[in-house]
Protein backbone atom coordinates (compact mmCIF):
# COMPACT_ATOMS: atom_id res chain seq x y z
CA MET A 1 -0.48 0.07 -0.45
CA ARG A 2 1.28 3.71 -0.83
CA PRO A 3 1.29 5.84 1.90
CA ASP A 4 -0.90 8.41 -0.40
CA ASP A 5 -3.70 5.04 -0.36
CA ASP A 6 -3.95 5.10 3.20
CA PRO A 7 -7.56 5.51 4.24
CA LEU A 8 -7.19 7.96 7.10
CA SER A 9 -5.23 10.31 4.94
CA THR A 10 -7.47 10.26 2.35
CA ALA A 11 -10.52 10.64 5.17
CA SER A 12 -8.79 13.60 6.25
CA ALA A 13 -8.00 14.92 2.79
CA VAL A 14 -11.77 14.73 2.01
CA ARG A 15 -12.77 16.32 5.13
CA ARG A 16 -10.71 19.47 4.56
CA GLY A 17 -11.92 19.54 1.18
CA VAL A 18 -15.26 19.38 2.08
CA THR A 19 -15.25 22.10 5.02
CA SER A 20 -13.41 24.53 2.86
CA LEU A 21 -16.35 23.85 0.09
CA GLY A 22 -18.86 24.71 2.44
CA ARG A 23 -17.34 27.66 3.78
CA ARG A 24 -16.55 28.97 -0.02
CA LEU A 25 -20.20 28.63 -0.90
CA ARG A 26 -21.68 29.94 2.61
CA MET A 27 -19.81 33.08 1.20
CA GLU A 28 -21.24 33.26 -2.25
CA ARG A 29 -24.98 33.12 -0.62
CA PRO A 30 -27.41 36.28 -1.26
CA ASP A 31 -27.01 39.00 0.85
CA PRO A 32 -28.95 39.36 2.39
CA GLY A 33 -29.90 35.50 2.52
CA GLU A 34 -32.40 33.49 4.45
CA PRO A 35 -31.46 32.47 8.12
CA LEU A 36 -29.76 29.37 7.43
CA LEU A 37 -31.64 27.20 10.22
CA GLN A 38 -34.51 28.11 8.41
CA LEU A 39 -32.86 26.75 5.47
CA SER A 40 -32.06 23.97 7.17
CA VAL A 41 -35.36 23.13 8.02
CA LEU A 42 -36.72 24.01 4.83
CA SER A 43 -33.89 21.55 3.11
CA HIS A 44 -34.84 18.93 5.14
CA LEU A 45 -38.79 19.23 4.35
CA ASN A 46 -37.71 19.05 1.20
CA ARG A 47 -35.75 16.29 1.26
CA ARG A 48 -37.32 14.19 3.43
CA GLY A 49 -41.34 15.00 3.17
CA PRO A 50 -43.70 16.30 5.77
CA MET A 51 -42.42 15.70 9.49
CA THR A 52 -42.93 16.71 13.16
CA PRO A 53 -41.43 19.00 14.90
CA GLY A 54 -39.71 16.75 17.43
CA GLU A 55 -38.95 15.04 13.83
CA LEU A 56 -37.01 18.74 12.91
CA ALA A 57 -34.98 19.08 15.75
CA ALA A 58 -33.88 15.71 15.98
CA ALA A 59 -32.71 16.04 12.63
CA GLU A 60 -31.14 19.62 13.53
CA ARG A 61 -29.43 18.48 16.75
CA VAL A 62 -31.33 21.04 18.86
CA GLN A 63 -34.32 21.04 21.74
CA PRO A 64 -37.84 21.43 19.67
CA GLN A 65 -38.04 25.02 22.01
CA SER A 66 -35.45 26.11 19.59
CA LEU A 67 -36.89 25.79 16.77
CA THR A 68 -40.60 27.50 18.03
CA ARG A 69 -39.44 30.78 15.91
CA THR A 70 -38.10 29.34 13.37
CA LEU A 71 -40.93 27.47 12.80
CA ALA A 72 -43.49 30.20 13.49
CA SER A 73 -41.81 32.61 11.12
CA LEU A 74 -41.72 30.13 8.42
CA GLU A 75 -45.54 29.23 8.50
CA ALA A 76 -46.31 33.26 8.80
CA ALA A 77 -44.36 33.21 5.62
CA GLY A 78 -46.27 30.78 4.24
CA ARG A 79 -43.32 28.89 3.33
CA ILE A 80 -44.06 25.73 5.36
CA LEU A 81 -47.74 24.06 6.12
CA ARG A 82 -49.00 22.69 8.98
CA GLN A 83 -51.70 19.59 8.93
CA PRO A 84 -53.04 17.02 11.20
CA ASP A 85 -51.03 13.52 11.59
CA PRO A 86 -53.30 11.36 10.10
CA ASP A 87 -51.75 8.42 12.02
CA ASP A 88 -52.34 10.71 15.42
CA GLY A 89 -54.67 13.83 15.78
CA ARG A 90 -53.32 14.88 18.74
CA ARG A 91 -49.46 15.38 16.86
CA SER A 92 -48.90 18.15 13.27
CA LEU A 93 -47.18 17.51 10.55
CA LEU A 94 -44.84 20.51 8.72
CA ALA A 95 -44.41 19.67 5.07
CA ILE A 96 -43.15 22.84 3.05
CA ALA A 97 -45.03 24.51 0.26
CA GLU A 98 -44.10 26.25 -2.67
CA ALA A 99 -42.97 29.67 -1.39
CA GLY A 100 -40.46 27.57 0.51
CA ARG A 101 -39.44 25.51 -2.30
CA LEU A 102 -38.94 28.68 -4.32
CA ALA A 103 -37.06 30.20 -1.15
CA LEU A 104 -34.33 27.14 -0.91
CA ALA A 105 -33.89 27.12 -4.68
CA GLY A 106 -33.46 30.45 -4.65
CA ASP A 107 -30.48 30.45 -2.21
CA MET A 108 -29.37 27.26 -3.99
CA ARG A 109 -28.87 29.50 -7.43
CA GLN A 110 -26.35 32.02 -7.06
CA ARG A 111 -24.23 28.70 -5.13
CA ASP A 112 -24.60 26.72 -7.98
CA ALA A 113 -23.48 28.65 -10.56
CA TRP A 114 -20.11 29.68 -8.88
CA LEU A 115 -19.63 26.19 -8.22
CA ALA A 116 -20.21 25.19 -11.59
CA GLU A 117 -18.16 28.46 -13.16
CA ALA A 118 -15.14 27.09 -10.97
CA MET A 119 -15.28 23.69 -11.67
CA ALA A 120 -15.45 24.67 -15.78
CA ALA A 121 -12.44 27.20 -14.78
CA HIS A 122 -10.54 23.88 -13.37
CA GLN A 123 -11.91 21.63 -16.22
CA GLN A 124 -10.34 24.30 -18.56
CA ALA A 125 -7.39 25.06 -16.80
CA ARG A 126 -6.06 21.00 -16.32
CA LEU A 127 -6.89 20.62 -20.46
CA SER A 128 -4.89 23.60 -20.93
CA ALA A 129 -2.13 22.41 -18.57
CA PHE A 130 -2.37 18.93 -20.02
CA LEU A 131 -1.80 20.21 -23.86
CA THR A 132 1.22 23.00 -23.30
CA ASP A 133 2.73 20.41 -21.56
CA GLY A 134 4.16 18.52 -24.59
CA HIS A 135 1.31 16.26 -24.43
CA GLU A 136 -0.68 17.89 -27.47
CA TYR A 137 2.42 16.84 -29.98
CA LYS A 138 2.50 12.75 -28.21
CA LEU A 139 -1.28 13.44 -28.80
CA ILE A 140 -0.88 13.76 -32.76
CA LEU A 141 1.34 11.30 -32.58
CA VAL A 142 -0.18 8.42 -30.89
CA CYS A 143 -3.56 9.11 -33.75
CA ALA A 144 -0.84 9.59 -36.57
CA VAL A 145 0.94 5.59 -35.34
CA ALA A 146 -2.29 4.51 -34.85
CA ALA A 147 -4.03 5.80 -38.36
CA ILE A 148 -1.42 4.66 -40.15
CA ILE A 149 -1.56 0.95 -38.40
CA LEU A 150 -5.28 0.43 -38.50
CA ILE A 151 -5.81 1.46 -42.20
CA GLY A 152 -3.09 -0.36 -43.77
CA PRO A 153 -3.50 -3.91 -45.49
CA GLY A 154 -2.46 -6.57 -42.65
CA ARG A 155 -3.57 -9.07 -39.96
CA TYR A 156 -3.96 -5.95 -37.58
CA GLY A 157 -5.26 -3.25 -39.70
CA LEU A 158 -8.77 -2.79 -40.85
CA ASP A 159 -8.17 -4.45 -43.81
CA ALA A 160 -7.67 -7.89 -42.12
CA GLY A 161 -9.73 -9.81 -44.05
CA ARG A 162 -11.99 -7.41 -46.09
CA GLY A 163 -9.28 -7.33 -49.53
CA TRP A 164 -9.74 -3.45 -49.06
CA ALA A 165 -5.75 -3.43 -50.08
CA ARG A 166 -6.79 -5.07 -53.61
CA ARG A 167 -9.37 -2.30 -54.09
CA PRO A 168 -7.44 0.74 -53.86
CA PHE A 169 -9.89 3.37 -54.76
CA ILE A 170 -12.45 2.49 -51.55
CA GLY A 171 -9.22 1.92 -49.29
CA SER A 172 -7.89 5.47 -50.25
CA PHE A 173 -11.59 6.58 -50.08
CA VAL A 174 -12.06 5.45 -46.46
CA ALA A 175 -8.72 6.43 -45.35
CA LEU A 176 -9.24 10.22 -47.11
CA LEU A 177 -12.28 10.24 -44.88
CA VAL A 178 -10.76 8.91 -41.63
CA GLY A 179 -7.95 11.27 -41.91
CA VAL A 180 -10.30 14.53 -42.32
CA GLY A 181 -12.61 12.96 -39.49
CA ALA A 182 -9.49 12.21 -37.33
CA GLY A 183 -7.85 15.81 -38.34
CA ILE A 184 -10.88 17.73 -37.44
CA ALA A 185 -11.59 15.94 -34.30
CA ALA A 186 -8.46 16.55 -33.24
CA TRP A 187 -8.29 20.22 -33.89
CA VAL A 188 -11.45 20.50 -31.76
CA LEU A 189 -10.09 18.44 -29.12
CA LEU A 190 -7.08 21.20 -28.96
CA ASN A 191 -9.07 24.03 -29.64
CA GLY A 192 -12.53 24.03 -28.51
CA ALA A 193 -14.13 24.85 -31.88
CA ASN A 194 -15.32 23.69 -34.86
CA PRO A 195 -13.23 24.49 -37.36
CA LEU A 196 -16.12 24.38 -40.17
CA ALA A 197 -17.76 26.85 -38.02
């Protein structure tokens, strides 16, 4: 086992990355944003469906009394609905309303946009580093060698058992099409644009 394969080290690195990402995403929240406890309650109700106030408190790991003001505020704003529990008429269930879903989606929209932009920039940086690091020429060389091996006659070529080499026109035409296609594909891969557009 290599040192970097140690599960404890991997878990620690993942924890640090998730913590850092969570902190950064909190910075991207709309200003002024919804209170975090309200968003958390809405998120639980959105994912799990109707819950009792006690179940919500347990999910949040707080005392039920600590949620009283938050639940009252969400109910007054029309973001959650209180309904009787069909199994026990003494209890009530809380469910997310459409306004709650909209509030949750609005709060996440800006963070999702930032994350998508950061991921695209990271992917572009990785591709740029890959291509400017000398890999571009190796990639073209590998494609050219593969094309020469596969297009020509012989046991390992595309011509194996087909007899294209005995019909030069067909073989040459196919080779021309493959060459043009490979050239366009390499251009798109290396430049990110269609050369024919």
